[in-house]
Structures are given as structure tokens and as C-alpha cells.
C-alpha atoms as a PDB file:
ATOM      1  CA  MET A   1       0.000   0.000   0.000  1.00  0.00           C
ATOM      2  CA  ILE A   2       2.831   2.351   0.803  1.00  0.00           C
ATOM      3  CA  THR A   3       4.502   1.537  -2.499  1.00  0.00           C
ATOM      4  CA  ALA A   4       1.236   2.079  -4.382  1.00  0.00           C
ATOM      5  CA  ALA A   5       0.693   5.410  -2.612  1.00  0.00           C
ATOM      6  CA  VAL A   6       4.232   6.534  -3.441  1.00  0.00           C
ATOM      7  CA  LEU A   7       3.788   5.536  -7.089  1.00  0.00           C
ATOM      8  CA  MET A   8       0.454   7.340  -7.255  1.00  0.00           C
ATOM      9  CA  ILE A   9       1.895  10.497  -5.757  1.00  0.00           C
ATOM     10  CA  GLY A  10       4.824  10.314  -8.161  1.00  0.00           C
ATOM     11  CA  ALA A  11       2.478   9.898 -11.104  1.00  0.00           C
ATOM     12  CA  VAL A  12       0.392  12.888 -10.005  1.00  0.00           C
ATOM     13  CA  VAL A  13       3.512  15.044  -9.625  1.00  0.00           C
ATOM     14  CA  ALA A  14       4.819  13.941 -13.027  1.00  0.00           C
ATOM     15  CA  VAL A  15       1.510  14.713 -14.731  1.00  0.00           C
ATOM     16  CA  ASP A  16       1.312  18.083 -12.970  1.00  0.00           C
ATOM     17  CA  ASN A  17       4.830  18.992 -14.087  1.00  0.00           C
ATOM     18  CA  ARG A  18       3.936  18.109 -17.686  1.00  0.00           C
ATOM     19  CA  LEU A  19       0.459  19.635 -17.649  1.00  0.00           C
ATOM     20  CA  ARG A  20       1.261  22.946 -15.985  1.00  0.00           C
ATOM     21  CA  PRO A  21       3.376  24.443 -18.811  1.00  0.00           C
ATOM     22  CA  LEU A  22       0.815  23.225 -21.368  1.00  0.00           C
ATOM     23  CA  VAL A  23      -2.015  24.921 -19.487  1.00  0.00           C
ATOM     24  CA  GLN A  24       0.006  28.124 -19.244  1.00  0.00           C
ATOM     25  CA  SER A  25       0.998  28.088 -22.924  1.00  0.00           C
ATOM     26  CA  TYR A  26      -2.408  27.238 -24.381  1.00  0.00           C
ATOM     27  CA  GLY A  27      -4.191  29.498 -21.909  1.00  0.00           C
ATOM     28  CA  TYR A  28      -1.899  32.417 -22.721  1.00  0.00           C
ATOM     29  CA  MET A  29      -2.470  32.015 -26.446  1.00  0.00           C
ATOM     30  CA  ALA A  30      -6.251  31.730 -26.033  1.00  0.00           C
ATOM     31  CA  ALA A  31      -6.394  34.861 -23.861  1.00  0.00           C
ATOM     32  CA  ARG A  32      -4.115  36.812 -26.210  1.00  0.00           C
ATOM     33  CA  ARG A  33      -6.208  35.773 -29.206  1.00  0.00           C
ATOM     34  CA  ALA A  34      -9.353  36.967 -27.425  1.00  0.00           C
ATOM     35  CA  ALA A  35      -7.664  40.306 -26.654  1.00  0.00           C
ATOM     36  CA  MET A  36      -6.603  40.772 -30.284  1.00  0.00           C
ATOM     37  CA  LEU A  37     -10.121  40.037 -31.535  1.00  0.00           C
ATOM     38  CA  ALA A  38     -11.568  42.468 -28.998  1.00  0.00           C
ATOM     39  CA  VAL A  39      -9.222  45.282 -30.051  1.00  0.00           C
ATOM     40  CA  HIS A  40      -9.699  44.812 -33.786  1.00  0.00           C
ATOM     41  CA  THR A  41     -13.471  44.374 -33.543  1.00  0.00           C
ATOM     42  CA  GLY A  42     -13.939  47.371 -31.241  1.00  0.00           C
ATOM     43  CA  VAL A  43     -11.715  49.767 -33.185  1.00  0.00           C
ATOM     44  CA  GLU A  44     -13.132  48.698 -36.544  1.00  0.00           C
ATOM     45  CA  LYS A  45     -16.644  49.488 -35.304  1.00  0.00           C
ATOM     46  CA  VAL A  46     -15.549  52.995 -34.296  1.00  0.00           C
ATOM     47  CA  LEU A  47     -13.560  53.734 -37.470  1.00  0.00           C
ATOM     48  CA  ALA A  48     -16.248  52.272 -39.726  1.00  0.00           C
ATOM     49  CA  ASP A  49     -18.626  54.899 -38.398  1.00  0.00           C
ATOM     50  CA  GLY A  50     -16.532  57.554 -40.168  1.00  0.00           C
ATOM     51  CA  ALA A  51     -17.790  60.344 -37.939  1.00  0.00           C
ATOM     52  CA  LEU A  52     -14.344  61.948 -37.597  1.00  0.00           C
ATOM     53  CA  GLY A  53     -12.045  62.696 -40.514  1.00  0.00           C
ATOM     54  CA  TYR A  54      -8.723  64.470 -40.908  1.00  0.00           C
ATOM     55  CA  THR A  55     -10.245  67.959 -40.994  1.00  0.00           C
ATOM     56  CA  ASP A  56     -12.118  67.152 -37.792  1.00  0.00           C
ATOM     57  CA  LEU A  57      -8.928  66.180 -35.959  1.00  0.00           C
ATOM     58  CA  VAL A  58      -6.441  68.686 -37.407  1.00  0.00           C
ATOM     59  CA  THR A  59      -6.898  72.258 -38.617  1.00  0.00           C
ATOM     60  CA  THR A  60      -4.222  73.798 -40.833  1.00  0.00           C
ATOM     61  CA  THR A  61      -3.927  77.474 -41.738  1.00  0.00           C
ATOM     62  CA  ARG A  62      -2.112  78.840 -44.775  1.00  0.00           C
ATOM     63  CA  ASP A  63      -1.100  82.227 -46.097  1.00  0.00           C
ATOM     64  CA  SER A  64      -2.183  83.744 -49.413  1.00  0.00           C
ATOM     65  CA  GLU A  65       0.582  81.836 -51.231  1.00  0.00           C
ATOM     66  CA  GLY A  66      -0.498  78.459 -49.861  1.00  0.00           C
ATOM     67  CA  ARG A  67       2.314  78.046 -47.348  1.00  0.00           C
ATOM     68  CA  VAL A  68       1.419  76.201 -44.162  1.00  0.00           C
ATOM     69  CA  LEU A  69       1.481  78.567 -41.220  1.00  0.00           C
ATOM     70  CA  SER A  70       0.208  76.315 -38.439  1.00  0.00           C
ATOM     71  CA  ALA A  71      -1.420  72.985 -37.651  1.00  0.00           C
ATOM     72  CA  GLU A  72      -3.691  72.749 -34.647  1.00  0.00           C
ATOM     73  CA  ALA A  73      -5.157  69.642 -33.058  1.00  0.00           C
ATOM     74  CA  ASN A  74      -8.857  69.581 -32.218  1.00  0.00           C
ATOM     75  CA  VAL A  75      -8.661  68.382 -28.625  1.00  0.00           C
ATOM     76  CA  ASN A  76     -12.395  67.760 -28.270  1.00  0.00           C
ATOM     77  CA  ALA A  77     -12.557  65.591 -31.386  1.00  0.00           C
ATOM     78  CA  ILE A  78      -9.445  63.677 -30.350  1.00  0.00           C
ATOM     79  CA  ASN A  79     -10.840  62.980 -26.883  1.00  0.00           C
ATOM     80  CA  ARG A  80     -14.138  61.793 -28.392  1.00  0.00           C
ATOM     81  CA  LEU A  81     -12.320  59.380 -30.678  1.00  0.00           C
ATOM     82  CA  LYS A  82     -10.134  58.038 -27.870  1.00  0.00           C
ATOM     83  CA  ALA A  83     -13.122  57.592 -25.552  1.00  0.00           C
ATOM     84  CA  ALA A  84     -15.185  55.862 -28.235  1.00  0.00           C
ATOM     85  CA  ALA A  85     -12.351  53.459 -29.070  1.00  0.00           C
ATOM     86  CA  THR A  86     -11.642  52.690 -25.409  1.00  0.00           C
ATOM     87  CA  ASN A  87     -15.304  52.029 -24.621  1.00  0.00           C
ATOM     88  CA  ALA A  88     -15.756  49.852 -27.694  1.00  0.00           C
ATOM     89  CA  VAL A  89     -12.720  47.697 -26.905  1.00  0.00           C
ATOM     90  CA  MET A  90     -13.697  47.394 -23.233  1.00  0.00           C
ATOM     91  CA  ALA A  91     -17.166  46.213 -24.295  1.00  0.00           C
ATOM     92  CA  GLU A  92     -15.610  43.580 -26.552  1.00  0.00           C
ATOM     93  CA  LEU A  93     -13.273  42.447 -23.769  1.00  0.00           C
ATOM     94  CA  SER A  94     -16.215  42.110 -21.375  1.00  0.00           C
ATOM     95  CA  SER A  95     -17.995  39.845 -23.848  1.00  0.00           C
ATOM     96  CA  ARG A  96     -14.884  37.629 -23.926  1.00  0.00           C
ATOM     97  CA  GLU A  97     -14.142  37.426 -20.207  1.00  0.00           C
ATOM     98  CA  VAL A  98     -14.586  33.650 -20.232  1.00  0.00           C
ATOM     99  CA  GLN A  99     -12.652  31.638 -22.814  1.00  0.00           C
ATOM    100  CA  THR A 100     -11.917  27.939 -23.270  1.00  0.00           C
ATOM    101  CA  ALA A 101      -8.551  26.459 -24.203  1.00  0.00           C
ATOM    102  CA  ARG A 102      -8.442  22.920 -25.604  1.00  0.00           C
ATOM    103  CA  ILE A 103      -5.238  21.149 -24.575  1.00  0.00           C
ATOM    104  CA  PRO A 104      -4.239  17.977 -26.462  1.00  0.00           C
ATOM    105  CA  LEU A 105      -3.428  15.310 -23.898  1.00  0.00           C
ATOM    106  CA  GLY A 106      -1.128  13.615 -26.375  1.00  0.00           C
ATOM    107  CA  SER A 107       1.342  16.424 -25.697  1.00  0.00           C
ATOM    108  CA  LEU A 108       1.747  15.039 -22.161  1.00  0.00           C
ATOM    109  CA  ILE A 109       3.409  11.948 -23.609  1.00  0.00           C
ATOM    110  CA  GLY A 110       5.697  13.923 -25.840  1.00  0.00           C
ATOM    111  CA  GLY A 111       7.320  12.890 -29.077  1.00  0.00           C
ATOM    112  CA  SER A 112       6.489  14.020 -32.590  1.00  0.00           C
ATOM    113  CA  PHE A 113       3.753  11.412 -33.041  1.00  0.00           C
ATOM    114  CA  PHE A 114       1.679  12.192 -29.934  1.00  0.00           C
ATOM    115  CA  THR A 115       2.237  15.962 -29.667  1.00  0.00           C
ATOM    116  CA  GLY A 116      -0.885  17.909 -30.598  1.00  0.00           C
ATOM    117  CA  ARG A 117      -3.120  14.838 -30.702  1.00  0.00           C
ATOM    118  CA  GLY A 118      -6.307  14.290 -28.703  1.00  0.00           C
ATOM    119  CA  PRO A 119      -8.256  13.599 -26.672  1.00  0.00           C
ATOM    120  CA  PHE A 120      -8.502  17.220 -25.584  1.00  0.00           C
ATOM    121  CA  LEU A 121      -8.813  18.700 -22.119  1.00  0.00           C
ATOM    122  CA  SER A 122     -10.993  21.820 -21.960  1.00  0.00           C
ATOM    123  CA  VAL A 123      -9.719  24.478 -19.575  1.00  0.00           C
ATOM    124  CA  GLY A 124     -11.709  27.568 -18.602  1.00  0.00           C
ATOM    125  CA  ILE A 125      -9.974  30.952 -18.683  1.00  0.00           C
ATOM    126  CA  HIS A 126     -11.278  33.999 -16.847  1.00  0.00           C
ATOM    127  CA  SER A 127      -9.678  37.283 -17.864  1.00  0.00           C
ATOM    128  CA  SER A 128      -9.945  40.953 -16.996  1.00  0.00           C
ATOM    129  CA  GLY A 129      -8.042  43.961 -18.222  1.00  0.00           C
ATOM    130  CA  VAL A 130      -7.749  47.650 -18.934  1.00  0.00           C
ATOM    131  CA  VAL A 131      -7.461  49.581 -22.193  1.00  0.00           C
ATOM    132  CA  ILE A 132      -5.310  52.636 -22.897  1.00  0.00           C
ATOM    133  CA  SER A 133      -5.767  54.614 -26.125  1.00  0.00           C
ATOM    134  CA  ASN A 134      -3.614  57.350 -27.603  1.00  0.00           C
ATOM    135  CA  LEU A 135      -3.380  59.239 -30.883  1.00  0.00           C
ATOM    136  CA  SER A 136      -0.057  59.859 -32.563  1.00  0.00           C
ATOM    137  CA  SER A 137       0.941  61.680 -35.725  1.00  0.00           C
ATOM    138  CA  GLU A 138       3.656  60.926 -38.226  1.00  0.00           C
ATOM    139  CA  PHE A 139       4.994  63.147 -40.981  1.00  0.00           C
ATOM    140  CA  GLY A 140       7.055  62.157 -44.000  1.00  0.00           C
ATOM    141  CA  ASP A 141       8.100  63.442 -47.393  1.00  0.00           C
ATOM    142  CA  ALA A 142       5.562  62.796 -50.146  1.00  0.00           C
ATOM    143  CA  GLY A 143       7.339  64.644 -52.954  1.00  0.00           C
ATOM    144  CA  ILE A 144       8.553  68.121 -53.795  1.00  0.00           C
ATOM    145  CA  ASN A 145       6.918  70.592 -51.410  1.00  0.00           C
ATOM    146  CA  GLN A 146       4.603  67.846 -50.193  1.00  0.00           C
ATOM    147  CA  THR A 147       4.309  66.365 -46.718  1.00  0.00           C
ATOM    148  CA  ASN A 148       2.370  63.223 -45.865  1.00  0.00           C
ATOM    149  CA  HIS A 149       0.597  63.425 -42.506  1.00  0.00           C
ATOM    150  CA  ARG A 150      -0.764  60.293 -40.841  1.00  0.00           C
ATOM    151  CA  VAL A 151      -2.826  60.114 -37.669  1.00  0.00           C
ATOM    152  CA  SER A 152      -2.821  56.740 -35.928  1.00  0.00           C
ATOM    153  CA  LEU A 153      -4.784  55.337 -33.004  1.00  0.00           C
ATOM    154  CA  GLU A 154      -2.573  53.340 -30.642  1.00  0.00           C
ATOM    155  CA  MET A 155      -4.306  50.799 -28.400  1.00  0.00           C
ATOM    156  CA  THR A 156      -2.707  49.093 -25.407  1.00  0.00           C
ATOM    157  CA  VAL A 157      -4.476  46.254 -23.589  1.00  0.00           C
ATOM    158  CA  MET A 158      -3.174  44.918 -20.271  1.00  0.00           C
ATOM    159  CA  MET A 159      -4.898  41.744 -19.098  1.00  0.00           C
ATOM    160  CA  THR A 160      -4.669  39.120 -16.401  1.00  0.00           C
ATOM    161  CA  ALA A 161      -5.901  35.625 -17.273  1.00  0.00           C
ATOM    162  CA  ALA A 162      -6.740  33.227 -14.440  1.00  0.00           C
ATOM    163  CA  LEU A 163      -6.037  29.585 -15.322  1.00  0.00           C
ATOM    164  CA  PRO A 164      -6.664  26.488 -13.170  1.00  0.00           C
ATOM    165  CA  MET A 165      -2.969  26.194 -12.327  1.00  0.00           C
ATOM    166  CA  GLU A 166      -1.490  29.551 -13.246  1.00  0.00           C
ATOM    167  CA  ARG A 167      -2.179  33.253 -13.614  1.00  0.00           C
ATOM    168  CA  VAL A 168      -0.657  34.926 -16.655  1.00  0.00           C
ATOM    169  CA  SER A 169      -0.260  38.577 -17.622  1.00  0.00           C
ATOM    170  CA  ILE A 170      -0.800  39.764 -21.177  1.00  0.00           C
ATOM    171  CA  GLU A 171       0.097  43.094 -22.767  1.00  0.00           C
ATOM    172  CA  LEU A 172      -0.965  43.806 -26.328  1.00  0.00           C
ATOM    173  CA  GLU A 173      -0.056  46.900 -28.339  1.00  0.00           C
ATOM    174  CA  THR A 174      -1.372  47.667 -31.809  1.00  0.00           C
ATOM    175  CA  ALA A 175      -1.948  50.736 -33.972  1.00  0.00           C
ATOM    176  CA  PHE A 176      -4.614  51.644 -36.519  1.00  0.00           C
ATOM    177  CA  LEU A 177      -4.434  54.261 -39.247  1.00  0.00           C
ATOM    178  CA  VAL A 178      -7.216  56.773 -38.615  1.00  0.00           C
ATOM    179  CA  CYS A 179      -6.611  59.173 -41.493  1.00  0.00           C
ATOM    180  CA  GLU A 180      -3.898  60.651 -43.662  1.00  0.00           C
ATOM    181  CA  THR A 181      -3.507  63.542 -46.051  1.00  0.00           C
ATOM    182  CA  VAL A 182      -0.873  65.187 -48.208  1.00  0.00           C
ATOM    183  CA  LEU A 183      -0.109  68.795 -47.314  1.00  0.00           C
ATOM    184  CA  VAL A 184       0.862  70.627 -50.483  1.00  0.00           C
ATOM    185  CA  GLY A 185       2.867  73.826 -50.434  1.00  0.00           C
ATOM    186  CA  ASN A 186       6.091  75.237 -49.119  1.00  0.00           C
ATOM    187  CA  VAL A 187       6.557  74.459 -45.457  1.00  0.00           C
ATOM    188  CA  PRO A 188       8.643  76.898 -43.389  1.00  0.00           C
ATOM    189  CA  GLN A 189      11.787  75.657 -41.718  1.00  0.00           C
ATOM    190  CA  THR A 190      10.278  76.500 -38.346  1.00  0.00           C
ATOM    191  CA  VAL A 191       9.313  73.302 -36.554  1.00  0.00           C
ATOM    192  CA  LEU A 192       5.632  73.100 -35.690  1.00  0.00           C
ATOM    193  CA  GLN A 193       4.066  70.839 -33.102  1.00  0.00           C
ATOM    194  CA  LEU A 194       0.774  69.079 -32.573  1.00  0.00           C
ATOM    195  CA  ASP A 195      -0.334  68.124 -29.090  1.00  0.00           C
ATOM    196  CA  PHE A 196      -2.328  64.892 -29.073  1.00  0.00           C
ATOM    197  CA  GLY A 197      -2.519  64.836 -25.287  1.00  0.00           C
ATOM    198  CA  GLU A 198       0.290  62.454 -24.346  1.00  0.00           C
ATOM    199  CA  THR A 199       2.297  62.767 -27.570  1.00  0.00           C
ATOM    200  CA  MET A 200       4.109  65.819 -28.875  1.00  0.00           C
ATOM    201  CA  SER A 201       5.032  65.205 -32.509  1.00  0.00           C
ATOM    202  CA  ASN A 202       7.426  67.305 -34.567  1.00  0.00           C
ATOM    203  CA  ILE A 203       5.718  68.007 -37.851  1.00  0.00           C
ATOM    204  CA  PHE A 204       7.763  69.887 -40.374  1.00  0.00           C
ATOM    205  CA  GLY A 205      11.473  70.314 -40.784  1.00  0.00           C
ATOM    206  CA  SER A 206      13.667  71.939 -43.372  1.00  0.00           C
ATOM    207  CA  ASN A 207      12.713  71.724 -47.046  1.00  0.00           C
ATOM    208  CA  ASP A 208      16.259  72.307 -48.220  1.00  0.00           C
END
């Protein structure tokens, strides 16, 4: 009986040592996949609405000869876009709080033949997280006396996924192009700046 108990305990420990990293790996991937779907689905819903365009987010002024004098960010429009994106992604995350990871038990045995084969063990994953949104701008040459201006929405999701044997942390960062335009005309050598809240972006440099 003692020998049987020792063997049983050893078997349980061996299975736990093999199963734990599988649960962590498959659970992490399932939670990360759910976070990616939530971000893309939420942001696409907001951008598909098309309520805010480039002229809503940025106002440029020119002189009589068409030279860019200033570029000013519309803070109210930017905050509305950030809030809408954050709320949409949070709603998608809430709908995916509970996920299921299917772990192939053949991977416990190891070897190329058994790895990835069933039967499968279903493991429940409970996740929660926060969303941070930010707008950034990027400027580049688009030709002679032309400047390409892009406005991007950067989304950061930080999640904690509770697994039966582990608790994993997930951080996901992705960016979406909101709008872009080509500014035509001579741009002064003076460096202008746009304030998108947390990001100060240099816009124009020398046209030499």
C-alpha cells in the first residue's frame, strides 16, 4: 500500500509537471487571441462609423501663397475618438471574459507522433483587463513641397488571465491608421508641433 501510494503520488507530480506548462501556454495564447479580436473588432466598429475625418482632428492654416502657417489639433474631437475606441474595446473584452482552451493530452506523452493529438482537455480561462488609447501623428516626405501626414490610433491592452494552475499577464499593443492627407505647399523651416494629449510630434522640418 505504501509503495502504491508513493507511485500514485509520483504519477500525479509527473503529470502536474507536464500539464502545468501546457495549461500556461495554451491558456496564454487563447487569452491573447481573445484580446486581439476584442481590439480589432472594437476599433473597426468605431472607425467604420466615419464620424471623424482628418479635418475634424487637425486644422491647418495657410497664407495667401499656400504656405502652411500652423497645424492645430482639435482636442475635443481627439478625446471623443479616444473615448469611443476605449469604450468599444472594453465592451468587446467584457464579452470575452470567459474563454476555453483545448489542450491535447497527447502532448503530455511527448514525441512528434503524440504531440498535438487528442483527446482534448478543456480548460476555462477567466480574464480581466484595462485599455489605454492614444493618438499619434507621423509626418514624411511625399514629394517636392509635399508632406504626408498620418494620424494613428494606438491601443494598449493589459490583461490578467486566471487559469486552473497559473495566472498569466498579457500586454498587447497595436496601432490603426485613422486618417492621412498630403499637405501641399512650401513648409517653413520652423518646426511646428501638434499636441495629441500624451504625444508631442514634430511636424515639419527643413525643405532644403
